[in-house]
Amino acid sequence: VQLQASGGGLVQPGGSLRLSCAASGFTFSGNAMGWYRQAPGKERGVVASITSVGYARYINSVKGRFTIFRDDAENTVYLEMSSLIPEDTAVYYCNTVPATLGLWGQGTQVTVSS
């Protein structure tokens, strides 16, 4: 049972990235899924979530810039990020919502810097 996040990297302010999270070993389609992030010196928190029927929610600071969507046939959840700002720099993780302790993977680093 695992979640594998990928797609991070170094991007300039104003740039875009698409993160992917592939799930294996559990019933992906029946779960609400979320993207979380942890910046240096800060606690990990949810950024965006999507229910099993596709209802999405976002924290205020990413509304209008990030889009979460899922492909249940591929057991994958995505986070499309645009208009990135330095404050978006963090390690990004995916997990169920609420989070399942044993599903935290290594995450993927996103660095927004010029």
C-alpha atoms as a PDB file:
ATOM      1  CA  VAL A   1       0.000   0.000   0.000  1.00  0.00           C
ATOM      2  CA  GLN A   2       1.623   3.223  -1.049  1.00  0.00           C
ATOM      3  CA  LEU A   3       1.277   6.667  -2.568  1.00  0.00           C
ATOM      4  CA  GLN A   4       4.030   7.932  -4.825  1.00  0.00           C
ATOM      5  CA  ALA A   5       4.189  11.689  -5.410  1.00  0.00           C
ATOM      6  CA  SER A   6       6.188  13.110  -8.301  1.00  0.00           C
ATOM      7  CA  GLY A   7       6.516  16.141 -10.556  1.00  0.00           C
ATOM      8  CA  GLY A   8       8.219  18.626  -8.275  1.00  0.00           C
ATOM      9  CA  GLY A   9      11.192  20.752  -9.205  1.00  0.00           C
ATOM     10  CA  LEU A  10      12.685  24.212  -9.345  1.00  0.00           C
ATOM     11  CA  VAL A  11      10.535  26.833 -11.026  1.00  0.00           C
ATOM     12  CA  GLN A  12      10.671  30.598 -11.331  1.00  0.00           C
ATOM     13  CA  PRO A  13       7.995  32.801  -9.760  1.00  0.00           C
ATOM     14  CA  GLY A  14       4.976  32.871 -12.033  1.00  0.00           C
ATOM     15  CA  GLY A  15       5.734  29.420 -13.368  1.00  0.00           C
ATOM     16  CA  SER A  16       3.699  26.230 -13.373  1.00  0.00           C
ATOM     17  CA  LEU A  17       4.063  22.622 -12.312  1.00  0.00           C
ATOM     18  CA  ARG A  18       1.855  19.549 -12.333  1.00  0.00           C
ATOM     19  CA  LEU A  19       2.233  17.103  -9.476  1.00  0.00           C
ATOM     20  CA  SER A  20       1.086  13.508  -9.740  1.00  0.00           C
ATOM     21  CA  CYS A  21       0.350  10.950  -7.065  1.00  0.00           C
ATOM     22  CA  ALA A  22      -0.051   7.313  -8.003  1.00  0.00           C
ATOM     23  CA  ALA A  23      -1.797   5.021  -5.546  1.00  0.00           C
ATOM     24  CA  SER A  24      -1.418   1.293  -5.226  1.00  0.00           C
ATOM     25  CA  GLY A  25      -2.629  -1.366  -2.873  1.00  0.00           C
ATOM     26  CA  PHE A  26      -5.881   0.198  -1.678  1.00  0.00           C
ATOM     27  CA  THR A  27      -9.296   1.215  -2.990  1.00  0.00           C
ATOM     28  CA  PHE A  28      -8.414   4.607  -4.393  1.00  0.00           C
ATOM     29  CA  SER A  29     -11.759   5.489  -5.953  1.00  0.00           C
ATOM     30  CA  GLY A  30     -13.706   5.377  -2.701  1.00  0.00           C
ATOM     31  CA  ASN A  31     -11.459   7.784  -0.850  1.00  0.00           C
ATOM     32  CA  ALA A  32     -11.280  11.527  -0.602  1.00  0.00           C
ATOM     33  CA  MET A  33      -7.732  12.509  -1.513  1.00  0.00           C
ATOM     34  CA  GLY A  34      -5.645  15.516  -0.676  1.00  0.00           C
ATOM     35  CA  TRP A  35      -2.419  17.292  -1.364  1.00  0.00           C
ATOM     36  CA  TYR A  36      -0.503  18.481   1.667  1.00  0.00           C
ATOM     37  CA  ARG A  37       2.665  20.523   1.973  1.00  0.00           C
ATOM     38  CA  GLN A  38       5.316  21.216   4.553  1.00  0.00           C
ATOM     39  CA  ALA A  39       7.598  24.225   4.302  1.00  0.00           C
ATOM     40  CA  PRO A  40      10.843  24.430   6.304  1.00  0.00           C
ATOM     41  CA  GLY A  41      10.098  25.147   9.951  1.00  0.00           C
ATOM     42  CA  LYS A  42       6.353  24.774   9.501  1.00  0.00           C
ATOM     43  CA  GLU A  43       3.826  22.051  10.135  1.00  0.00           C
ATOM     44  CA  ARG A  44       2.402  19.961   7.330  1.00  0.00           C
ATOM     45  CA  GLY A  45      -1.047  21.025   6.257  1.00  0.00           C
ATOM     46  CA  VAL A  46      -3.596  20.325   3.568  1.00  0.00           C
ATOM     47  CA  VAL A  47      -3.488  22.468   0.438  1.00  0.00           C
ATOM     48  CA  ALA A  48      -6.301  20.985  -1.610  1.00  0.00           C
ATOM     49  CA  SER A  49      -8.680  18.074  -1.363  1.00  0.00           C
ATOM     50  CA  ILE A  50     -11.102  16.263  -3.621  1.00  0.00           C
ATOM     51  CA  THR A  51     -13.931  13.957  -2.637  1.00  0.00           C
ATOM     52  CA  SER A  52     -14.667  10.625  -4.264  1.00  0.00           C
ATOM     53  CA  VAL A  53     -17.250  12.364  -6.463  1.00  0.00           C
ATOM     54  CA  GLY A  54     -14.972  15.198  -7.488  1.00  0.00           C
ATOM     55  CA  TYR A  55     -15.848  18.039  -5.128  1.00  0.00           C
ATOM     56  CA  ALA A  56     -12.700  20.098  -4.608  1.00  0.00           C
ATOM     57  CA  ARG A  57     -11.662  22.460  -1.843  1.00  0.00           C
ATOM     58  CA  TYR A  58      -8.613  24.689  -1.465  1.00  0.00           C
ATOM     59  CA  ILE A  59      -6.931  26.784   1.153  1.00  0.00           C
ATOM     60  CA  ASN A  60      -7.377  30.490   0.508  1.00  0.00           C
ATOM     61  CA  SER A  61      -3.782  31.155  -0.490  1.00  0.00           C
ATOM     62  CA  VAL A  62      -3.934  28.818  -3.503  1.00  0.00           C
ATOM     63  CA  LYS A  63      -7.490  29.440  -4.719  1.00  0.00           C
ATOM     64  CA  GLY A  64      -7.480  30.391  -8.372  1.00  0.00           C
ATOM     65  CA  ARG A  65      -3.909  29.172  -8.818  1.00  0.00           C
ATOM     66  CA  PHE A  66      -4.057  25.450  -7.995  1.00  0.00           C
ATOM     67  CA  THR A  67      -6.403  22.796  -9.356  1.00  0.00           C
ATOM     68  CA  ILE A  68      -6.788  19.308  -7.913  1.00  0.00           C
ATOM     69  CA  PHE A  69      -8.270  16.538 -10.023  1.00  0.00           C
ATOM     70  CA  ARG A  70      -8.311  12.784 -10.062  1.00  0.00           C
ATOM     71  CA  ASP A  71      -8.323   9.919 -12.527  1.00  0.00           C
ATOM     72  CA  ASP A  72      -9.790   6.897 -10.776  1.00  0.00           C
ATOM     73  CA  ALA A  73      -9.082   4.638 -13.727  1.00  0.00           C
ATOM     74  CA  GLU A  74      -5.376   5.395 -13.269  1.00  0.00           C
ATOM     75  CA  ASN A  75      -5.513   5.541  -9.448  1.00  0.00           C
ATOM     76  CA  THR A  76      -3.890   8.946  -9.674  1.00  0.00           C
ATOM     77  CA  VAL A  77      -4.568  12.366  -8.182  1.00  0.00           C
ATOM     78  CA  TYR A  78      -3.026  15.497  -9.641  1.00  0.00           C
ATOM     79  CA  LEU A  79      -2.268  19.024  -8.520  1.00  0.00           C
ATOM     80  CA  GLU A  80      -1.951  21.570 -11.271  1.00  0.00           C
ATOM     81  CA  MET A  81      -0.116  24.623  -9.923  1.00  0.00           C
ATOM     82  CA  SER A  82       0.221  27.933 -11.714  1.00  0.00           C
ATOM     83  CA  SER A  83       1.286  31.497 -10.852  1.00  0.00           C
ATOM     84  CA  LEU A  84       3.663  29.980  -8.342  1.00  0.00           C
ATOM     85  CA  ILE A  85       5.135  32.231  -5.682  1.00  0.00           C
ATOM     86  CA  PRO A  86       8.111  31.688  -3.343  1.00  0.00           C
ATOM     87  CA  GLU A  87       5.694  30.989  -0.478  1.00  0.00           C
ATOM     88  CA  ASP A  88       4.616  27.830  -2.310  1.00  0.00           C
ATOM     89  CA  THR A  89       8.069  26.340  -1.709  1.00  0.00           C
ATOM     90  CA  ALA A  90       7.612  23.135   0.273  1.00  0.00           C
ATOM     91  CA  VAL A  91       7.655  19.375   0.140  1.00  0.00           C
ATOM     92  CA  TYR A  92       4.323  18.274  -1.282  1.00  0.00           C
ATOM     93  CA  TYR A  93       2.664  15.029  -0.225  1.00  0.00           C
ATOM     94  CA  CYS A  94      -0.535  13.259  -1.130  1.00  0.00           C
ATOM     95  CA  ASN A  95      -2.670  11.243   1.227  1.00  0.00           C
ATOM     96  CA  THR A  96      -6.263  10.404   1.948  1.00  0.00           C
ATOM     97  CA  VAL A  97      -8.500  12.944   3.669  1.00  0.00           C
ATOM     98  CA  PRO A  98      -8.359  12.640   6.575  1.00  0.00           C
ATOM     99  CA  ALA A  99      -4.774  11.477   6.312  1.00  0.00           C
ATOM    100  CA  THR A 100      -3.825   7.850   6.822  1.00  0.00           C
ATOM    101  CA  LEU A 101      -0.716   7.627   8.966  1.00  0.00           C
ATOM    102  CA  GLY A 102       0.876   4.765   7.082  1.00  0.00           C
ATOM    103  CA  LEU A 103       0.490   6.394   3.659  1.00  0.00           C
ATOM    104  CA  TRP A 104       2.884   9.293   4.045  1.00  0.00           C
ATOM    105  CA  GLY A 105       5.508   8.880   1.365  1.00  0.00           C
ATOM    106  CA  GLN A 106       8.638  10.898   0.727  1.00  0.00           C
ATOM    107  CA  GLY A 107       6.805  13.662  -1.069  1.00  0.00           C
ATOM    108  CA  THR A 108       8.106  15.795  -3.889  1.00  0.00           C
ATOM    109  CA  GLN A 109      10.050  19.031  -3.447  1.00  0.00           C
ATOM    110  CA  VAL A 110       8.727  22.199  -5.050  1.00  0.00           C
ATOM    111  CA  THR A 111      11.046  25.192  -5.008  1.00  0.00           C
ATOM    112  CA  VAL A 112       9.919  28.546  -6.364  1.00  0.00           C
ATOM    113  CA  SER A 113      12.866  30.842  -6.814  1.00  0.00           C
ATOM    114  CA  SER A 114      14.448  33.153  -9.340  1.00  0.00           C
END
